[in-house]
Amino acid sequence: MRTRLFGFVAAVVLAVLGVMSPATQAAVPAVGGPACTAAHGSVEYNSATGLWTCIGGSHDGEPID
């Protein structure tokens, strides 16, 4: 009985995290490519994350929208 309860709780927690993940990612403010280069940065592709990011300047490390 305890293993069923543990499995159910784990499934609920993972489902809640799965629903919240896109909302959390959308809440992160992203900078545009022209704003990145205007702030003395460069737009580069990060193959580890699959995202374009701003490298250098005042927007260093921010995702590009």
PDB file of N, CA and C in Angstrom:
ATOM      1  N   MET A   1       0.819  -1.192   0.000  1.00  0.00           N
ATOM      2  CA  MET A   1       0.000   0.000   0.000  1.00  0.00           C
ATOM      3  C   MET A   1       0.866   1.260   0.000  1.00  0.00           C
ATOM      4  N   ARG A   2       1.972   1.225   0.745  1.00  0.00           N
ATOM      5  CA  ARG A   2       2.845   2.396   0.805  1.00  0.00           C
ATOM      6  C   ARG A   2       3.495   2.683  -0.531  1.00  0.00           C
ATOM      7  N   THR A   3       3.851   1.630  -1.263  1.00  0.00           N
ATOM      8  CA  THR A   3       4.489   1.858  -2.561  1.00  0.00           C
ATOM      9  C   THR A   3       3.504   2.464  -3.553  1.00  0.00           C
ATOM     10  N   ARG A   4       2.243   2.081  -3.473  1.00  0.00           N
ATOM     11  CA  ARG A   4       1.235   2.681  -4.350  1.00  0.00           C
ATOM     12  C   ARG A   4       1.051   4.157  -4.017  1.00  0.00           C
ATOM     13  N   LEU A   5       1.023   4.477  -2.739  1.00  0.00           N
ATOM     14  CA  LEU A   5       0.870   5.866  -2.327  1.00  0.00           C
ATOM     15  C   LEU A   5       2.077   6.681  -2.769  1.00  0.00           C
ATOM     16  N   PHE A   6       3.267   6.136  -2.584  1.00  0.00           N
ATOM     17  CA  PHE A   6       4.483   6.826  -3.006  1.00  0.00           C
ATOM     18  C   PHE A   6       4.489   7.038  -4.515  1.00  0.00           C
ATOM     19  N   GLY A   7       4.101   6.032  -5.273  1.00  0.00           N
ATOM     20  CA  GLY A   7       4.041   6.149  -6.724  1.00  0.00           C
ATOM     21  C   GLY A   7       3.024   7.187  -7.177  1.00  0.00           C
ATOM     22  N   PHE A   8       1.875   7.224  -6.503  1.00  0.00           N
ATOM     23  CA  PHE A   8       0.853   8.209  -6.840  1.00  0.00           C
ATOM     24  C   PHE A   8       1.342   9.626  -6.546  1.00  0.00           C
ATOM     25  N   VAL A   9       1.956   9.828  -5.398  1.00  0.00           N
ATOM     26  CA  VAL A   9       2.471  11.149  -5.035  1.00  0.00           C
ATOM     27  C   VAL A   9       3.562  11.571  -6.020  1.00  0.00           C
ATOM     28  N   ALA A  10       4.444  10.664  -6.383  1.00  0.00           N
ATOM     29  CA  ALA A  10       5.507  10.979  -7.342  1.00  0.00           C
ATOM     30  C   ALA A  10       4.915  11.354  -8.702  1.00  0.00           C
ATOM     31  N   ALA A  11       3.883  10.644  -9.135  1.00  0.00           N
ATOM     32  CA  ALA A  11       3.247  10.949 -10.420  1.00  0.00           C
ATOM     33  C   ALA A  11       2.589  12.326 -10.397  1.00  0.00           C
ATOM     34  N   VAL A  12       1.954  12.663  -9.293  1.00  0.00           N
ATOM     35  CA  VAL A  12       1.305  13.970  -9.179  1.00  0.00           C
ATOM     36  C   VAL A  12       2.348  15.089  -9.187  1.00  0.00           C
ATOM     37  N   VAL A  13       3.431  14.910  -8.459  1.00  0.00           N
ATOM     38  CA  VAL A  13       4.480  15.926  -8.409  1.00  0.00           C
ATOM     39  C   VAL A  13       5.095  16.122  -9.793  1.00  0.00           C
ATOM     40  N   LEU A  14       5.391  15.046 -10.497  1.00  0.00           N
ATOM     41  CA  LEU A  14       5.956  15.163 -11.838  1.00  0.00           C
ATOM     42  C   LEU A  14       4.979  15.809 -12.815  1.00  0.00           C
ATOM     43  N   ALA A  15       3.696  15.514 -12.676  1.00  0.00           N
ATOM     44  CA  ALA A  15       2.699  16.134 -13.548  1.00  0.00           C
ATOM     45  C   ALA A  15       2.617  17.635 -13.307  1.00  0.00           C
ATOM     46  N   VAL A  16       2.663  18.043 -12.046  1.00  0.00           N
ATOM     47  CA  VAL A  16       2.608  19.471 -11.720  1.00  0.00           C
ATOM     48  C   VAL A  16       3.855  20.178 -12.244  1.00  0.00           C
ATOM     49  N   LEU A  17       5.019  19.576 -12.083  1.00  0.00           N
ATOM     50  CA  LEU A  17       6.249  20.174 -12.593  1.00  0.00           C
ATOM     51  C   LEU A  17       6.240  20.250 -14.114  1.00  0.00           C
ATOM     52  N   GLY A  18       5.675  19.255 -14.771  1.00  0.00           N
ATOM     53  CA  GLY A  18       5.590  19.269 -16.221  1.00  0.00           C
ATOM     54  C   GLY A  18       4.686  20.368 -16.743  1.00  0.00           C
ATOM     55  N   VAL A  19       3.625  20.668 -16.015  1.00  0.00           N
ATOM     56  CA  VAL A  19       2.711  21.738 -16.417  1.00  0.00           C
ATOM     57  C   VAL A  19       3.329  23.096 -16.153  1.00  0.00           C
ATOM     58  N   MET A  20       4.074  23.234 -15.072  1.00  0.00           N
ATOM     59  CA  MET A  20       4.646  24.521 -14.691  1.00  0.00           C
ATOM     60  C   MET A  20       5.894  24.870 -15.501  1.00  0.00           C
ATOM     61  N   SER A  21       6.582  23.903 -16.060  1.00  0.00           N
ATOM     62  CA  SER A  21       7.833  24.164 -16.759  1.00  0.00           C
ATOM     63  C   SER A  21       7.693  25.127 -17.938  1.00  0.00           C
ATOM     64  N   PRO A  22       6.726  24.942 -18.853  1.00  0.00           N
ATOM     65  CA  PRO A  22       6.601  25.909 -19.951  1.00  0.00           C
ATOM     66  C   PRO A  22       6.221  27.307 -19.467  1.00  0.00           C
ATOM     67  N   ALA A  23       5.407  27.378 -18.427  1.00  0.00           N
ATOM     68  CA  ALA A  23       5.021  28.686 -17.894  1.00  0.00           C
ATOM     69  C   ALA A  23       6.222  29.388 -17.274  1.00  0.00           C
ATOM     70  N   THR A  24       7.075  28.641 -16.621  1.00  0.00           N
ATOM     71  CA  THR A  24       8.267  29.226 -16.026  1.00  0.00           C
ATOM     72  C   THR A  24       9.221  29.707 -17.108  1.00  0.00           C
ATOM     73  N   GLN A  25       9.359  28.932 -18.159  1.00  0.00           N
ATOM     74  CA  GLN A  25      10.250  29.321 -19.244  1.00  0.00           C
ATOM     75  C   GLN A  25       9.711  30.557 -19.965  1.00  0.00           C
ATOM     76  N   ALA A  26       8.411  30.651 -20.107  1.00  0.00           N
ATOM     77  CA  ALA A  26       7.813  31.800 -20.775  1.00  0.00           C
ATOM     78  C   ALA A  26       7.924  33.061 -19.921  1.00  0.00           C
ATOM     79  N   ALA A  27       8.033  32.898 -18.613  1.00  0.00           N
ATOM     80  CA  ALA A  27       8.119  34.049 -17.720  1.00  0.00           C
ATOM     81  C   ALA A  27       9.510  34.684 -17.731  1.00  0.00           C
ATOM     82  N   VAL A  28      10.510  33.950 -18.215  1.00  0.00           N
ATOM     83  CA  VAL A  28      11.867  34.491 -18.259  1.00  0.00           C
ATOM     84  C   VAL A  28      11.935  35.555 -19.350  1.00  0.00           C
ATOM     85  N   PRO A  29      12.316  36.779 -18.999  1.00  0.00           N
ATOM     86  CA  PRO A  29      12.378  37.814 -20.029  1.00  0.00           C
ATOM     87  C   PRO A  29      13.505  37.531 -21.013  1.00  0.00           C
ATOM     88  N   ALA A  30      13.179  37.611 -22.286  1.00  0.00           N
ATOM     89  CA  ALA A  30      14.178  37.371 -23.321  1.00  0.00           C
ATOM     90  C   ALA A  30      14.490  38.684 -24.027  1.00  0.00           C
ATOM     91  N   VAL A  31      15.694  38.783 -24.480  1.00  0.00           N
ATOM     92  CA  VAL A  31      16.148  39.981 -25.191  1.00  0.00           C
ATOM     93  C   VAL A  31      16.181  39.650 -26.685  1.00  0.00           C
ATOM     94  N   GLY A  32      15.961  40.629 -27.507  1.00  0.00           N
ATOM     95  CA  GLY A  32      16.024  40.429 -28.955  1.00  0.00           C
ATOM     96  C   GLY A  32      17.454  40.506 -29.459  1.00  0.00           C
ATOM     97  N   GLY A  33      17.679  39.984 -30.647  1.00  0.00           N
ATOM     98  CA  GLY A  33      19.015  40.002 -31.239  1.00  0.00           C
ATOM     99  C   GLY A  33      19.579  41.405 -31.431  1.00  0.00           C
ATOM    100  N   PRO A  34      18.784  42.354 -31.976  1.00  0.00           N
ATOM    101  CA  PRO A  34      19.305  43.712 -32.141  1.00  0.00           C
ATOM    102  C   PRO A  34      19.650  44.392 -30.806  1.00  0.00           C
ATOM    103  N   ALA A  35      18.856  44.118 -29.765  1.00  0.00           N
ATOM    104  CA  ALA A  35      19.148  44.704 -28.452  1.00  0.00           C
ATOM    105  C   ALA A  35      20.441  44.126 -27.882  1.00  0.00           C
ATOM    106  N   CYS A  36      20.690  42.853 -28.154  1.00  0.00           N
ATOM    107  CA  CYS A  36      21.922  42.216 -27.686  1.00  0.00           C
ATOM    108  C   CYS A  36      23.147  42.844 -28.339  1.00  0.00           C
ATOM    109  N   THR A  37      23.097  42.987 -29.650  1.00  0.00           N
ATOM    110  CA  THR A  37      24.253  43.546 -30.346  1.00  0.00           C
ATOM    111  C   THR A  37      24.419  45.037 -30.052  1.00  0.00           C
ATOM    112  N   ALA A  38      23.317  45.746 -29.797  1.00  0.00           N
ATOM    113  CA  ALA A  38      23.413  47.163 -29.446  1.00  0.00           C
ATOM    114  C   ALA A  38      24.071  47.355 -28.082  1.00  0.00           C
ATOM    115  N   ALA A  39      23.951  46.347 -27.217  1.00  0.00           N
ATOM    116  CA  ALA A  39      24.552  46.409 -25.883  1.00  0.00           C
ATOM    117  C   ALA A  39      25.955  45.793 -25.888  1.00  0.00           C
ATOM    118  N   HIS A  40      26.579  45.738 -27.068  1.00  0.00           N
ATOM    119  CA  HIS A  40      27.950  45.238 -27.241  1.00  0.00           C
ATOM    120  C   HIS A  40      28.080  43.754 -26.946  1.00  0.00           C
ATOM    121  N   GLY A  41      27.054  42.977 -27.283  1.00  0.00           N
ATOM    122  CA  GLY A  41      27.098  41.528 -27.138  1.00  0.00           C
ATOM    123  C   GLY A  41      27.029  40.865 -28.498  1.00  0.00           C
ATOM    124  N   SER A  42      27.097  39.555 -28.512  1.00  0.00           N
ATOM    125  CA  SER A  42      26.963  38.810 -29.764  1.00  0.00           C
ATOM    126  C   SER A  42      25.945  37.694 -29.557  1.00  0.00           C
ATOM    127  N   VAL A  43      25.196  37.391 -30.603  1.00  0.00           N
ATOM    128  CA  VAL A  43      24.192  36.335 -30.562  1.00  0.00           C
ATOM    129  C   VAL A  43      24.867  35.039 -30.977  1.00  0.00           C
ATOM    130  N   GLU A  44      24.827  34.049 -30.092  1.00  0.00           N
ATOM    131  CA  GLU A  44      25.469  32.767 -30.374  1.00  0.00           C
ATOM    132  C   GLU A  44      24.518  31.627 -30.039  1.00  0.00           C
ATOM    133  N   TYR A  45      24.662  30.531 -30.791  1.00  0.00           N
ATOM    134  CA  TYR A  45      23.849  29.340 -30.577  1.00  0.00           C
ATOM    135  C   TYR A  45      24.526  28.438 -29.559  1.00  0.00           C
ATOM    136  N   ASN A  46      23.786  28.031 -28.531  1.00  0.00           N
ATOM    137  CA  ASN A  46      24.299  27.121 -27.517  1.00  0.00           C
ATOM    138  C   ASN A  46      23.779  25.727 -27.842  1.00  0.00           C
ATOM    139  N   SER A  47      24.637  24.856 -28.354  1.00  0.00           N
ATOM    140  CA  SER A  47      24.202  23.528 -28.771  1.00  0.00           C
ATOM    141  C   SER A  47      23.819  22.641 -27.585  1.00  0.00           C
ATOM    142  N   ALA A  48      24.304  22.948 -26.406  1.00  0.00           N
ATOM    143  CA  ALA A  48      23.958  22.148 -25.227  1.00  0.00           C
ATOM    144  C   ALA A  48      22.496  22.351 -24.839  1.00  0.00           C
ATOM    145  N   THR A  49      21.994  23.577 -24.973  1.00  0.00           N
ATOM    146  CA  THR A  49      20.604  23.859 -24.609  1.00  0.00           C
ATOM    147  C   THR A  49      19.691  23.949 -25.820  1.00  0.00           C
ATOM    148  N   GLY A  50      20.253  24.146 -27.009  1.00  0.00           N
ATOM    149  CA  GLY A  50      19.455  24.296 -28.208  1.00  0.00           C
ATOM    150  C   GLY A  50      18.829  25.672 -28.336  1.00  0.00           C
ATOM    151  N   LEU A  51      19.379  26.656 -27.633  1.00  0.00           N
ATOM    152  CA  LEU A  51      18.825  28.001 -27.641  1.00  0.00           C
ATOM    153  C   LEU A  51      19.865  29.004 -28.119  1.00  0.00           C
ATOM    154  N   TRP A  52      19.380  30.114 -28.652  1.00  0.00           N
ATOM    155  CA  TRP A  52      20.243  31.235 -28.989  1.00  0.00           C
ATOM    156  C   TRP A  52      20.380  32.101 -27.746  1.00  0.00           C
ATOM    157  N   THR A  53      21.593  32.517 -27.416  1.00  0.00           N
ATOM    158  CA  THR A  53      21.828  33.340 -26.233  1.00  0.00           C
ATOM    159  C   THR A  53      22.686  34.539 -26.588  1.00  0.00           C
ATOM    160  N   CYS A  54      22.604  35.546 -25.743  1.00  0.00           N
ATOM    161  CA  CYS A  54      23.414  36.743 -25.897  1.00  0.00           C
ATOM    162  C   CYS A  54      24.687  36.551 -25.076  1.00  0.00           C
ATOM    163  N   ILE A  55      25.820  36.689 -25.711  1.00  0.00           N
ATOM    164  CA  ILE A  55      27.103  36.504 -25.044  1.00  0.00           C
ATOM    165  C   ILE A  55      27.813  37.855 -24.999  1.00  0.00           C
ATOM    166  N   GLY A  56      28.147  38.297 -23.805  1.00  0.00           N
ATOM    167  CA  GLY A  56      28.842  39.569 -23.621  1.00  0.00           C
ATOM    168  C   GLY A  56      27.867  40.724 -23.515  1.00  0.00           C
ATOM    169  N   GLY A  57      28.387  41.876 -23.208  1.00  0.00           N
ATOM    170  CA  GLY A  57      27.549  43.070 -23.071  1.00  0.00           C
ATOM    171  C   GLY A  57      26.708  43.044 -21.811  1.00  0.00           C
ATOM    172  N   SER A  58      25.732  43.921 -21.765  1.00  0.00           N
ATOM    173  CA  SER A  58      24.897  44.019 -20.561  1.00  0.00           C
ATOM    174  C   SER A  58      23.838  42.927 -20.491  1.00  0.00           C
ATOM    175  N   HIS A  59      23.606  42.179 -21.584  1.00  0.00           N
ATOM    176  CA  HIS A  59      22.614  41.098 -21.594  1.00  0.00           C
ATOM    177  C   HIS A  59      23.284  39.727 -21.605  1.00  0.00           C
ATOM    178  N   ASP A  60      24.461  39.616 -21.050  1.00  0.00           N
ATOM    179  CA  ASP A  60      25.243  38.381 -21.089  1.00  0.00           C
ATOM    180  C   ASP A  60      24.475  37.205 -20.488  1.00  0.00           C
ATOM    181  N   GLY A  61      24.340  36.139 -21.258  1.00  0.00           N
ATOM    182  CA  GLY A  61      23.700  34.909 -20.792  1.00  0.00           C
ATOM    183  C   GLY A  61      22.189  34.883 -20.934  1.00  0.00           C
ATOM    184  N   GLU A  62      21.571  35.943 -21.409  1.00  0.00           N
ATOM    185  CA  GLU A  62      20.116  35.982 -21.542  1.00  0.00           C
ATOM    186  C   GLU A  62      19.706  35.297 -22.838  1.00  0.00           C
ATOM    187  N   PRO A  63      18.548  34.589 -22.811  1.00  0.00           N
ATOM    188  CA  PRO A  63      18.085  33.932 -24.033  1.00  0.00           C
ATOM    189  C   PRO A  63      17.580  34.932 -25.063  1.00  0.00           C
ATOM    190  N   ILE A  64      17.719  34.587 -26.323  1.00  0.00           N
ATOM    191  CA  ILE A  64      17.237  35.430 -27.417  1.00  0.00           C
ATOM    192  C   ILE A  64      15.841  34.941 -27.792  1.00  0.00           C
ATOM    193  N   ASP A  65      14.903  35.883 -27.942  1.00  0.00           N
ATOM    194  CA  ASP A  65      13.541  35.471 -28.317  1.00  0.00           C
ATOM    195  C   ASP A  65      13.354  35.399 -29.801  1.00  0.00           C
TER     196      ASP A  65
END
